[in-house]
C-alpha atoms as a PDB file:
ATOM      1  CA  MET A   1     -20.380 -20.764   1.710  1.00  0.00           C
ATOM      2  CA  ILE A   2     -17.738 -18.282   2.864  1.00  0.00           C
ATOM      3  CA  ASP A   3     -17.917 -14.790   1.378  1.00  0.00           C
ATOM      4  CA  LEU A   4     -14.472 -13.184   1.151  1.00  0.00           C
ATOM      5  CA  SER A   5     -15.601 -10.192  -0.894  1.00  0.00           C
ATOM      6  CA  VAL A   6     -15.177  -6.602   0.307  1.00  0.00           C
ATOM      7  CA  ASP A   7     -16.280  -3.233  -1.044  1.00  0.00           C
ATOM      8  CA  ILE A   8     -13.754  -0.417  -0.644  1.00  0.00           C
ATOM      9  CA  ASN A   9     -15.924   2.585  -1.442  1.00  0.00           C
ATOM     10  CA  GLY A  10     -16.936   1.332  -4.874  1.00  0.00           C
ATOM     11  CA  ILE A  11     -14.061  -1.049  -5.606  1.00  0.00           C
ATOM     12  CA  LYS A  12     -15.488  -4.559  -5.236  1.00  0.00           C
ATOM     13  CA  PHE A  13     -12.724  -7.035  -4.421  1.00  0.00           C
ATOM     14  CA  ASP A  14     -13.295 -10.809  -4.585  1.00  0.00           C
ATOM     15  CA  ASN A  15     -11.185 -11.089  -1.437  1.00  0.00           C
ATOM     16  CA  PRO A  16      -9.466  -8.589   0.886  1.00  0.00           C
ATOM     17  CA  VAL A  17      -5.863  -9.372  -0.127  1.00  0.00           C
ATOM     18  CA  ILE A  18      -3.999  -6.826  -2.234  1.00  0.00           C
ATOM     19  CA  ALA A  19      -0.380  -6.997  -3.359  1.00  0.00           C
ATOM     20  CA  ALA A  20       1.316  -3.891  -1.959  1.00  0.00           C
ATOM     21  CA  SER A  21       2.883  -1.319  -4.244  1.00  0.00           C
ATOM     22  CA  GLY A  22       6.606  -1.653  -4.809  1.00  0.00           C
ATOM     23  CA  THR A  23       6.754  -5.328  -3.889  1.00  0.00           C
ATOM     24  CA  PHE A  24       4.869  -6.964  -6.761  1.00  0.00           C
ATOM     25  CA  GLY A  25       6.042  -5.032  -9.803  1.00  0.00           C
ATOM     26  CA  PHE A  26       3.213  -4.845 -12.322  1.00  0.00           C
ATOM     27  CA  GLY A  27       2.002  -8.387 -11.690  1.00  0.00           C
ATOM     28  CA  ARG A  28       3.659  -9.942 -14.719  1.00  0.00           C
ATOM     29  CA  GLU A  29       6.840 -10.517 -12.679  1.00  0.00           C
ATOM     30  CA  PHE A  30       4.897 -12.969 -10.482  1.00  0.00           C
ATOM     31  CA  LYS A  31       2.566 -14.562 -13.038  1.00  0.00           C
ATOM     32  CA  ASP A  32       4.609 -17.771 -13.280  1.00  0.00           C
ATOM     33  CA  TYR A  33       4.571 -18.286  -9.514  1.00  0.00           C
ATOM     34  CA  VAL A  34       1.111 -17.287  -8.338  1.00  0.00           C
ATOM     35  CA  ASP A  35      -2.391 -17.314  -9.805  1.00  0.00           C
ATOM     36  CA  LEU A  36      -3.103 -13.591 -10.218  1.00  0.00           C
ATOM     37  CA  ASN A  37      -6.820 -14.377 -10.316  1.00  0.00           C
ATOM     38  CA  MET A  38      -6.553 -15.480  -6.687  1.00  0.00           C
ATOM     39  CA  ILE A  39      -5.461 -12.030  -5.518  1.00  0.00           C
ATOM     40  CA  GLY A  40      -8.122  -9.471  -4.687  1.00  0.00           C
ATOM     41  CA  GLY A  41      -6.092  -6.618  -6.141  1.00  0.00           C
ATOM     42  CA  ILE A  42      -2.653  -5.451  -7.211  1.00  0.00           C
ATOM     43  CA  ALA A  43      -1.324  -2.032  -6.246  1.00  0.00           C
ATOM     44  CA  VAL A  44       1.257  -1.606  -8.960  1.00  0.00           C
ATOM     45  CA  LYS A  45       4.773  -0.284  -8.567  1.00  0.00           C
ATOM     46  CA  GLY A  46       4.792   3.432  -7.760  1.00  0.00           C
ATOM     47  CA  LEU A  47       4.391   5.546 -10.893  1.00  0.00           C
ATOM     48  CA  THR A  48       5.805   8.964 -11.706  1.00  0.00           C
ATOM     49  CA  LEU A  49       4.942  11.268 -14.588  1.00  0.00           C
ATOM     50  CA  GLU A  50       8.259  10.583 -16.336  1.00  0.00           C
ATOM     51  CA  PRO A  51      10.401   7.422 -16.222  1.00  0.00           C
ATOM     52  CA  ARG A  52      12.693   7.301 -13.210  1.00  0.00           C
ATOM     53  CA  GLN A  53      15.924   5.352 -12.740  1.00  0.00           C
ATOM     54  CA  GLY A  54      15.748   5.430  -8.956  1.00  0.00           C
ATOM     55  CA  ASN A  55      18.536   5.811  -6.454  1.00  0.00           C
ATOM     56  CA  ARG A  56      22.058   4.491  -6.919  1.00  0.00           C
ATOM     57  CA  PRO A  57      22.869   1.150  -5.238  1.00  0.00           C
ATOM     58  CA  PRO A  58      23.072  -0.318  -2.710  1.00  0.00           C
ATOM     59  CA  ARG A  59      19.318   0.198  -2.432  1.00  0.00           C
ATOM     60  CA  ILE A  60      18.303  -2.758  -0.245  1.00  0.00           C
ATOM     61  CA  ALA A  61      19.661  -3.840   3.123  1.00  0.00           C
ATOM     62  CA  GLU A  62      18.430  -6.764   5.197  1.00  0.00           C
ATOM     63  CA  THR A  63      17.680  -6.133   8.865  1.00  0.00           C
ATOM     64  CA  PRO A  64      16.466  -8.362  11.685  1.00  0.00           C
ATOM     65  CA  ALA A  65      12.858  -9.251  10.764  1.00  0.00           C
ATOM     66  CA  GLY A  66      12.721  -6.916   7.784  1.00  0.00           C
ATOM     67  CA  ILE A  67      14.468  -4.914   5.094  1.00  0.00           C
ATOM     68  CA  LEU A  68      15.478  -1.317   4.484  1.00  0.00           C
ATOM     69  CA  ASN A  69      14.855  -0.035   0.977  1.00  0.00           C
ATOM     70  CA  SER A  70      15.859   3.114  -0.822  1.00  0.00           C
ATOM     71  CA  VAL A  71      14.898   2.194  -4.369  1.00  0.00           C
ATOM     72  CA  GLY A  72      13.745   5.704  -5.221  1.00  0.00           C
ATOM     73  CA  LEU A  73      10.602   4.850  -7.200  1.00  0.00           C
ATOM     74  CA  GLN A  74      12.328   3.342 -10.218  1.00  0.00           C
ATOM     75  CA  ASN A  75       9.576   2.934 -12.821  1.00  0.00           C
ATOM     76  CA  PRO A  76       8.894   3.296 -16.569  1.00  0.00           C
ATOM     77  CA  GLY A  77       6.522   6.272 -16.179  1.00  0.00           C
ATOM     78  CA  VAL A  78       2.750   6.532 -16.292  1.00  0.00           C
ATOM     79  CA  GLU A  79       2.452   6.482 -20.111  1.00  0.00           C
ATOM     80  CA  ALA A  80       4.355   3.196 -20.363  1.00  0.00           C
ATOM     81  CA  PHE A  81       2.134   1.755 -17.621  1.00  0.00           C
ATOM     82  CA  ILE A  82      -0.989   2.712 -19.565  1.00  0.00           C
ATOM     83  CA  ARG A  83       0.399   1.333 -22.818  1.00  0.00           C
ATOM     84  CA  ASP A  84       2.060  -1.874 -21.642  1.00  0.00           C
ATOM     85  CA  GLU A  85       0.796  -2.956 -18.254  1.00  0.00           C
ATOM     86  CA  ILE A  86      -2.945  -2.290 -18.100  1.00  0.00           C
ATOM     87  CA  PRO A  87      -3.679  -4.557 -21.114  1.00  0.00           C
ATOM     88  CA  PHE A  88      -1.673  -7.333 -19.454  1.00  0.00           C
ATOM     89  CA  LEU A  89      -3.371  -6.982 -16.072  1.00  0.00           C
ATOM     90  CA  ARG A  90      -6.827  -6.888 -17.649  1.00  0.00           C
ATOM     91  CA  LYS A  91      -6.354 -10.521 -18.659  1.00  0.00           C
ATOM     92  CA  TYR A  92      -7.020 -11.299 -14.993  1.00  0.00           C
ATOM     93  CA  LYS A  93      -9.942 -10.546 -12.700  1.00  0.00           C
ATOM     94  CA  THR A  94      -7.757  -8.972 -10.023  1.00  0.00           C
ATOM     95  CA  LYS A  95      -8.461  -5.287  -9.375  1.00  0.00           C
ATOM     96  CA  ILE A  96      -5.885  -2.742 -10.581  1.00  0.00           C
ATOM     97  CA  ILE A  97      -4.761   0.014  -8.224  1.00  0.00           C
ATOM     98  CA  ALA A  98      -2.390   2.603  -9.722  1.00  0.00           C
ATOM     99  CA  ASN A  99       0.002   4.024  -7.138  1.00  0.00           C
ATOM    100  CA  ILE A 100       1.180   7.529  -8.027  1.00  0.00           C
ATOM    101  CA  ALA A 101       3.933   9.765  -6.663  1.00  0.00           C
ATOM    102  CA  GLY A 102       5.309  13.122  -7.715  1.00  0.00           C
ATOM    103  CA  ASN A 103       7.590  15.998  -6.877  1.00  0.00           C
ATOM    104  CA  THR A 104       4.832  18.597  -7.246  1.00  0.00           C
ATOM    105  CA  ILE A 105       1.078  18.766  -6.762  1.00  0.00           C
ATOM    106  CA  GLU A 106       0.795  19.385 -10.494  1.00  0.00           C
ATOM    107  CA  ASP A 107       2.494  16.031 -11.188  1.00  0.00           C
ATOM    108  CA  TYR A 108      -0.032  14.205  -9.038  1.00  0.00           C
ATOM    109  CA  CYS A 109      -2.986  15.986 -10.609  1.00  0.00           C
ATOM    110  CA  LYS A 110      -1.820  15.308 -14.164  1.00  0.00           C
ATOM    111  CA  MET A 111      -1.317  11.591 -13.459  1.00  0.00           C
ATOM    112  CA  ALA A 112      -4.706  11.323 -11.744  1.00  0.00           C
ATOM    113  CA  GLU A 113      -6.330  12.951 -14.763  1.00  0.00           C
ATOM    114  CA  MET A 114      -4.514  10.658 -17.206  1.00  0.00           C
ATOM    115  CA  LEU A 115      -5.325   7.501 -15.271  1.00  0.00           C
ATOM    116  CA  SER A 116      -8.963   8.429 -14.669  1.00  0.00           C
ATOM    117  CA  GLY A 117      -9.704   7.721 -18.315  1.00  0.00           C
ATOM    118  CA  GLU A 118      -8.055   4.301 -18.250  1.00  0.00           C
ATOM    119  CA  ASP A 119      -9.335   0.827 -17.384  1.00  0.00           C
ATOM    120  CA  ILE A 120      -8.170   0.683 -13.777  1.00  0.00           C
ATOM    121  CA  ASP A 121     -10.158   0.339 -10.568  1.00  0.00           C
ATOM    122  CA  GLY A 122      -8.594   2.876  -8.218  1.00  0.00           C
ATOM    123  CA  ILE A 123      -5.729   5.269  -7.576  1.00  0.00           C
ATOM    124  CA  GLU A 124      -3.483   5.130  -4.513  1.00  0.00           C
ATOM    125  CA  LEU A 125      -1.922   8.467  -3.634  1.00  0.00           C
ATOM    126  CA  ASN A 126       1.621   7.878  -2.407  1.00  0.00           C
ATOM    127  CA  VAL A 127       2.394  10.882  -0.235  1.00  0.00           C
ATOM    128  CA  SER A 128       4.445   8.899   2.237  1.00  0.00           C
ATOM    129  CA  CYS A 129       7.468   7.344   0.584  1.00  0.00           C
ATOM    130  CA  PRO A 130      10.462   8.163   2.834  1.00  0.00           C
ATOM    131  CA  ASN A 131      13.155   7.326   0.288  1.00  0.00           C
ATOM    132  CA  VAL A 132      12.577  10.240  -2.079  1.00  0.00           C
ATOM    133  CA  LYS A 133      14.405  13.415  -1.197  1.00  0.00           C
ATOM    134  CA  ARG A 134      11.795  15.806  -2.559  1.00  0.00           C
ATOM    135  CA  GLY A 135       8.039  15.978  -2.860  1.00  0.00           C
ATOM    136  CA  CYS A 136       6.104  13.219  -1.248  1.00  0.00           C
ATOM    137  CA  VAL A 137       7.833  13.326   2.152  1.00  0.00           C
ATOM    138  CA  ALA A 138       6.626  16.868   2.785  1.00  0.00           C
ATOM    139  CA  PHE A 139       3.086  16.240   1.551  1.00  0.00           C
ATOM    140  CA  GLY A 140       2.375  13.390   3.936  1.00  0.00           C
ATOM    141  CA  THR A 141       3.867  14.553   7.200  1.00  0.00           C
ATOM    142  CA  THR A 142       1.343  17.217   8.272  1.00  0.00           C
ATOM    143  CA  PRO A 143      -2.458  17.483   8.230  1.00  0.00           C
ATOM    144  CA  GLU A 144      -2.130  20.664   6.175  1.00  0.00           C
ATOM    145  CA  GLY A 145       0.071  18.989   3.595  1.00  0.00           C
ATOM    146  CA  ILE A 146      -2.134  15.939   3.260  1.00  0.00           C
ATOM    147  CA  SER A 147      -5.213  18.136   2.974  1.00  0.00           C
ATOM    148  CA  GLU A 148      -3.739  20.253   0.199  1.00  0.00           C
ATOM    149  CA  ILE A 149      -2.575  17.341  -1.943  1.00  0.00           C
ATOM    150  CA  THR A 150      -5.762  15.305  -1.438  1.00  0.00           C
ATOM    151  CA  LYS A 151      -8.089  18.204  -2.299  1.00  0.00           C
ATOM    152  CA  SER A 152      -6.054  19.053  -5.371  1.00  0.00           C
ATOM    153  CA  VAL A 153      -5.888  15.514  -6.749  1.00  0.00           C
ATOM    154  CA  LYS A 154      -9.545  14.821  -5.972  1.00  0.00           C
ATOM    155  CA  LYS A 155     -10.562  17.498  -8.489  1.00  0.00           C
ATOM    156  CA  TYR A 156      -8.933  15.479 -11.281  1.00  0.00           C
ATOM    157  CA  CYS A 157      -9.466  11.930 -10.015  1.00  0.00           C
ATOM    158  CA  LYS A 158     -12.544  10.145 -11.349  1.00  0.00           C
ATOM    159  CA  LYS A 159     -11.609   6.815  -9.769  1.00  0.00           C
ATOM    160  CA  PRO A 160     -11.862   5.890  -6.066  1.00  0.00           C
ATOM    161  CA  LEU A 161      -8.956   7.664  -4.353  1.00  0.00           C
ATOM    162  CA  ILE A 162      -6.952   5.802  -1.699  1.00  0.00           C
ATOM    163  CA  VAL A 163      -4.553   7.967   0.317  1.00  0.00           C
ATOM    164  CA  LYS A 164      -1.539   6.037   1.607  1.00  0.00           C
ATOM    165  CA  LEU A 165      -0.230   7.403   4.901  1.00  0.00           C
ATOM    166  CA  THR A 166       3.292   7.571   6.247  1.00  0.00           C
ATOM    167  CA  PRO A 167       3.867   6.416   9.843  1.00  0.00           C
ATOM    168  CA  ASN A 168       6.602   9.044  10.203  1.00  0.00           C
ATOM    169  CA  VAL A 169       4.270  11.558  11.849  1.00  0.00           C
ATOM    170  CA  THR A 170       3.435  12.727  15.360  1.00  0.00           C
ATOM    171  CA  ASP A 171      -0.274  11.823  15.275  1.00  0.00           C
ATOM    172  CA  ILE A 172      -1.529   9.426  12.585  1.00  0.00           C
ATOM    173  CA  LYS A 173      -5.148  10.142  13.537  1.00  0.00           C
ATOM    174  CA  GLU A 174      -4.910  13.830  12.667  1.00  0.00           C
ATOM    175  CA  VAL A 175      -3.363  13.101   9.280  1.00  0.00           C
ATOM    176  CA  ALA A 176      -5.964  10.411   8.479  1.00  0.00           C
ATOM    177  CA  LYS A 177      -8.843  12.712   9.404  1.00  0.00           C
ATOM    178  CA  ALA A 178      -7.401  15.450   7.217  1.00  0.00           C
ATOM    179  CA  ALA A 179      -7.251  13.015   4.281  1.00  0.00           C
ATOM    180  CA  GLU A 180     -10.860  11.924   4.831  1.00  0.00           C
ATOM    181  CA  ASP A 181     -12.118  15.490   5.197  1.00  0.00           C
ATOM    182  CA  SER A 182     -10.323  16.433   1.981  1.00  0.00           C
ATOM    183  CA  GLY A 183     -11.981  13.749  -0.146  1.00  0.00           C
ATOM    184  CA  ALA A 184     -10.148  10.442   0.329  1.00  0.00           C
ATOM    185  CA  ASP A 185     -12.397   7.493  -0.499  1.00  0.00           C
ATOM    186  CA  ALA A 186     -10.202   5.144   1.555  1.00  0.00           C
ATOM    187  CA  ILE A 187      -7.055   5.238   3.676  1.00  0.00           C
ATOM    188  CA  SER A 188      -4.148   2.798   3.362  1.00  0.00           C
ATOM    189  CA  LEU A 189      -1.393   2.448   5.942  1.00  0.00           C
ATOM    190  CA  ILE A 190       1.341   2.052   6.920  1.00  0.00           C
ATOM    191  CA  ASN A 191       4.076   2.855   4.474  1.00  0.00           C
ATOM    192  CA  THR A 192       7.625   2.166   5.588  1.00  0.00           C
ATOM    193  CA  ILE A 193       9.235   3.570   8.720  1.00  0.00           C
ATOM    194  CA  LEU A 194      12.326   5.676   8.129  1.00  0.00           C
ATOM    195  CA  GLY A 195      15.421   3.784   9.271  1.00  0.00           C
ATOM    196  CA  MET A 196      19.166   3.452   8.892  1.00  0.00           C
ATOM    197  CA  ALA A 197      21.825   0.749   8.976  1.00  0.00           C
ATOM    198  CA  ILE A 198      25.594   1.292   9.269  1.00  0.00           C
ATOM    199  CA  ASP A 199      28.428  -0.938   8.082  1.00  0.00           C
ATOM    200  CA  ILE A 200      30.694  -0.933  11.145  1.00  0.00           C
ATOM    201  CA  HIS A 201      33.733  -2.021   9.110  1.00  0.00           C
ATOM    202  CA  LYS A 202      33.436   0.668   6.433  1.00  0.00           C
ATOM    203  CA  LYS A 203      32.049   3.162   8.960  1.00  0.00           C
ATOM    204  CA  ARG A 204      29.387   4.357   6.559  1.00  0.00           C
ATOM    205  CA  PRO A 205      25.682   3.709   5.929  1.00  0.00           C
ATOM    206  CA  ILE A 206      24.906   0.497   4.057  1.00  0.00           C
ATOM    207  CA  LEU A 207      22.434   2.245   1.758  1.00  0.00           C
ATOM    208  CA  ALA A 208      23.916   4.654  -0.776  1.00  0.00           C
ATOM    209  CA  ASN A 209      21.099   7.069   0.064  1.00  0.00           C
ATOM    210  CA  ASN A 210      22.043   6.756   3.771  1.00  0.00           C
ATOM    211  CA  MET A 211      18.491   6.145   4.988  1.00  0.00           C
ATOM    212  CA  GLY A 212      15.582   4.064   3.766  1.00  0.00           C
ATOM    213  CA  GLY A 213      12.187   2.652   4.585  1.00  0.00           C
ATOM    214  CA  LEU A 214      11.914  -0.249   7.024  1.00  0.00           C
ATOM    215  CA  SER A 215       9.321  -2.915   6.220  1.00  0.00           C
ATOM    216  CA  GLY A 216       8.615  -6.505   7.176  1.00  0.00           C
ATOM    217  CA  PRO A 217       7.529  -8.288  10.379  1.00  0.00           C
ATOM    218  CA  ALA A 218       9.487  -5.847  12.569  1.00  0.00           C
ATOM    219  CA  VAL A 219       6.953  -3.080  11.870  1.00  0.00           C
ATOM    220  CA  LYS A 220       3.768  -5.130  12.321  1.00  0.00           C
ATOM    221  CA  PRO A 221       2.862  -4.163  15.918  1.00  0.00           C
ATOM    222  CA  ILE A 222       3.258  -0.489  15.048  1.00  0.00           C
ATOM    223  CA  ALA A 223       1.153  -0.936  11.922  1.00  0.00           C
ATOM    224  CA  VAL A 224      -1.627  -2.772  13.784  1.00  0.00           C
ATOM    225  CA  ARG A 225      -1.766   0.003  16.380  1.00  0.00           C
ATOM    226  CA  MET A 226      -1.943   2.726  13.744  1.00  0.00           C
ATOM    227  CA  VAL A 227      -4.598   0.889  11.725  1.00  0.00           C
ATOM    228  CA  TYR A 228      -6.681   0.532  14.876  1.00  0.00           C
ATOM    229  CA  GLU A 229      -6.333   4.239  15.698  1.00  0.00           C
ATOM    230  CA  VAL A 230      -7.225   5.342  12.180  1.00  0.00           C
ATOM    231  CA  ALA A 231     -10.182   2.948  11.917  1.00  0.00           C
ATOM    232  CA  GLN A 232     -11.528   4.478  15.123  1.00  0.00           C
ATOM    233  CA  THR A 233     -11.128   7.974  13.674  1.00  0.00           C
ATOM    234  CA  VAL A 234     -12.403   7.860  10.076  1.00  0.00           C
ATOM    235  CA  ASN A 235     -15.572   6.580   8.440  1.00  0.00           C
ATOM    236  CA  VAL A 236     -14.038   5.631   5.098  1.00  0.00           C
ATOM    237  CA  PRO A 237     -12.624   2.114   4.628  1.00  0.00           C
ATOM    238  CA  VAL A 238      -9.105   1.422   5.903  1.00  0.00           C
ATOM    239  CA  ILE A 239      -6.598  -0.832   4.135  1.00  0.00           C
ATOM    240  CA  GLY A 240      -3.930  -2.173   6.480  1.00  0.00           C
ATOM    241  CA  MET A 241      -0.382  -3.290   5.790  1.00  0.00           C
ATOM    242  CA  GLY A 242       2.948  -3.740   7.511  1.00  0.00           C
ATOM    243  CA  GLY A 243       4.661  -7.071   8.054  1.00  0.00           C
ATOM    244  CA  ILE A 244       1.807  -9.354   6.981  1.00  0.00           C
ATOM    245  CA  SER A 245       3.105 -12.839   6.188  1.00  0.00           C
ATOM    246  CA  SER A 246       0.172 -15.144   6.982  1.00  0.00           C
ATOM    247  CA  GLY A 247      -3.578 -15.370   7.134  1.00  0.00           C
ATOM    248  CA  GLU A 248      -3.347 -14.941  10.904  1.00  0.00           C
ATOM    249  CA  ASP A 249      -1.497 -11.644  10.437  1.00  0.00           C
ATOM    250  CA  ALA A 250      -4.164 -10.476   8.000  1.00  0.00           C
ATOM    251  CA  VAL A 251      -6.970 -11.360  10.428  1.00  0.00           C
ATOM    252  CA  GLU A 252      -5.186  -9.372  13.147  1.00  0.00           C
ATOM    253  CA  PHE A 253      -5.273  -6.253  10.961  1.00  0.00           C
ATOM    254  CA  MET A 254      -8.905  -6.861  10.053  1.00  0.00           C
ATOM    255  CA  LEU A 255      -9.902  -7.224  13.688  1.00  0.00           C
ATOM    256  CA  ALA A 256      -8.180  -3.877  14.262  1.00  0.00           C
ATOM    257  CA  GLY A 257     -10.478  -2.331  11.650  1.00  0.00           C
ATOM    258  CA  ALA A 258      -8.927  -2.921   8.227  1.00  0.00           C
ATOM    259  CA  SER A 259     -11.493  -3.744   5.546  1.00  0.00           C
ATOM    260  CA  ALA A 260      -8.699  -5.071   3.320  1.00  0.00           C
ATOM    261  CA  ILE A 261      -4.990  -5.715   3.704  1.00  0.00           C
ATOM    262  CA  MET A 262      -1.852  -5.473   1.593  1.00  0.00           C
ATOM    263  CA  VAL A 263       0.993  -7.971   1.510  1.00  0.00           C
ATOM    264  CA  GLY A 264       4.377  -6.418   0.773  1.00  0.00           C
ATOM    265  CA  THR A 265       7.827  -7.560   1.867  1.00  0.00           C
ATOM    266  CA  TYR A 266       6.790 -11.193   2.283  1.00  0.00           C
ATOM    267  CA  ASN A 267       6.382 -11.429  -1.510  1.00  0.00           C
ATOM    268  CA  PHE A 268      10.189 -11.338  -1.731  1.00  0.00           C
ATOM    269  CA  ILE A 269      10.440 -14.407   0.505  1.00  0.00           C
ATOM    270  CA  ASN A 270       7.462 -16.339  -0.816  1.00  0.00           C
ATOM    271  CA  PRO A 271       6.176 -15.428  -4.300  1.00  0.00           C
ATOM    272  CA  LYS A 272       2.904 -17.199  -3.471  1.00  0.00           C
ATOM    273  CA  ALA A 273       2.476 -15.050  -0.350  1.00  0.00           C
ATOM    274  CA  CYS A 274      -0.741 -13.323  -1.422  1.00  0.00           C
ATOM    275  CA  GLU A 275      -2.413 -16.582  -2.412  1.00  0.00           C
ATOM    276  CA  ASP A 276      -1.329 -18.192   0.856  1.00  0.00           C
ATOM    277  CA  VAL A 277      -2.734 -15.281   2.860  1.00  0.00           C
ATOM    278  CA  VAL A 278      -6.088 -15.597   1.073  1.00  0.00           C
ATOM    279  CA  ASN A 279      -6.203 -19.293   1.967  1.00  0.00           C
ATOM    280  CA  GLY A 280      -5.144 -18.516   5.531  1.00  0.00           C
ATOM    281  CA  ILE A 281      -8.002 -16.047   5.999  1.00  0.00           C
ATOM    282  CA  LYS A 282     -10.440 -18.594   4.599  1.00  0.00           C
ATOM    283  CA  LYS A 283      -9.122 -21.290   6.939  1.00  0.00           C
ATOM    284  CA  HIS A 284      -9.520 -18.993   9.949  1.00  0.00           C
ATOM    285  CA  MET A 285     -13.104 -18.236   8.941  1.00  0.00           C
ATOM    286  CA  GLU A 286     -13.890 -21.930   8.534  1.00  0.00           C
ATOM    287  CA  THR A 287     -12.407 -22.675  11.956  1.00  0.00           C
ATOM    288  CA  TYR A 288     -14.567 -20.089  13.696  1.00  0.00           C
ATOM    289  CA  GLY A 289     -17.684 -20.453  11.550  1.00  0.00           C
ATOM    290  CA  TYR A 290     -17.584 -16.978  10.007  1.00  0.00           C
ATOM    291  CA  LYS A 291     -19.621 -16.556   6.834  1.00  0.00           C
ATOM    292  CA  SER A 292     -18.324 -13.135   5.766  1.00  0.00           C
ATOM    293  CA  VAL A 293     -15.129 -11.169   6.309  1.00  0.00           C
ATOM    294  CA  TYR A 294     -17.373  -8.485   7.782  1.00  0.00           C
ATOM    295  CA  ASP A 295     -17.772 -10.841  10.748  1.00  0.00           C
ATOM    296  CA  ILE A 296     -14.106 -10.054  11.481  1.00  0.00           C
ATOM    297  CA  ILE A 297     -13.579  -6.430  10.436  1.00  0.00           C
ATOM    298  CA  GLY A 298     -13.316  -4.137  13.459  1.00  0.00           C
ATOM    299  CA  LYS A 299     -14.424  -6.819  15.891  1.00  0.00           C
ATOM    300  CA  VAL A 300     -11.513  -6.567  18.335  1.00  0.00           C
ATOM    301  CA  SER A 301     -12.688  -6.404  21.953  1.00  0.00           C
ATOM    302  CA  LEU A 302     -10.724  -4.236  24.375  1.00  0.00           C
ATOM    303  CA  ASN A 303     -12.549  -5.527  27.461  1.00  0.00           C
END
């Protein structure tokens, strides 16, 4: 028997594959294409205190081996999520991770307090989204900023708190340690890398917001490196993401120290991506005779 289950500081996942926030909607958008019961967890689309329309289009631009996005956290607001989406998701055994973002610390704290009384499994603190002009960019780019927001939200959060880090920093280790020291129950990384694409015929940026977050296979080597560095620095569980499109990719992150992984951009290419990654991890374990995913996690050898 192969045991795919993982425990992320109190959240017990049947397998280590989580659909990444912003790429899987609220789950219902994919229910006709993938068995949601097969996915360890779903980090839902980023939530704000009030409904948000997002940025004006164009908001997506394809790049070699990835995409740039500047969606701007379009979402129906946290109250609509509680009312409409939690009851739907609770029909399935997948774990529910609410991803929250705000323009002020008070926004984050109020959402954490509201969601703590609801039937979800964890809260992911989005302090790293590079396509919002105010708020979360500043919080996630310095150890001081990450410490302040994490400590503040932790006072109101009664669910396991996952802090999602931006790669757009000088030293990811310092920021991760600040999050851990300030009460994070787990660390997730990486969010998108700030990028830009220019239409050479129109002589202007392709995205209406000029810049956006780069995701997809192009960022994977950077993400693996950062996950490794953070896993070597903190004692809380690490959730890795960035360009994962196969079971082999997922195993690479787990060897680097990720206790679980998130699949993002590849969901746009293959709606069954998460299920395929679960099966790919299982196949790798069967090939090498591993009984538990803990036989893989952090087992990279540098010698």
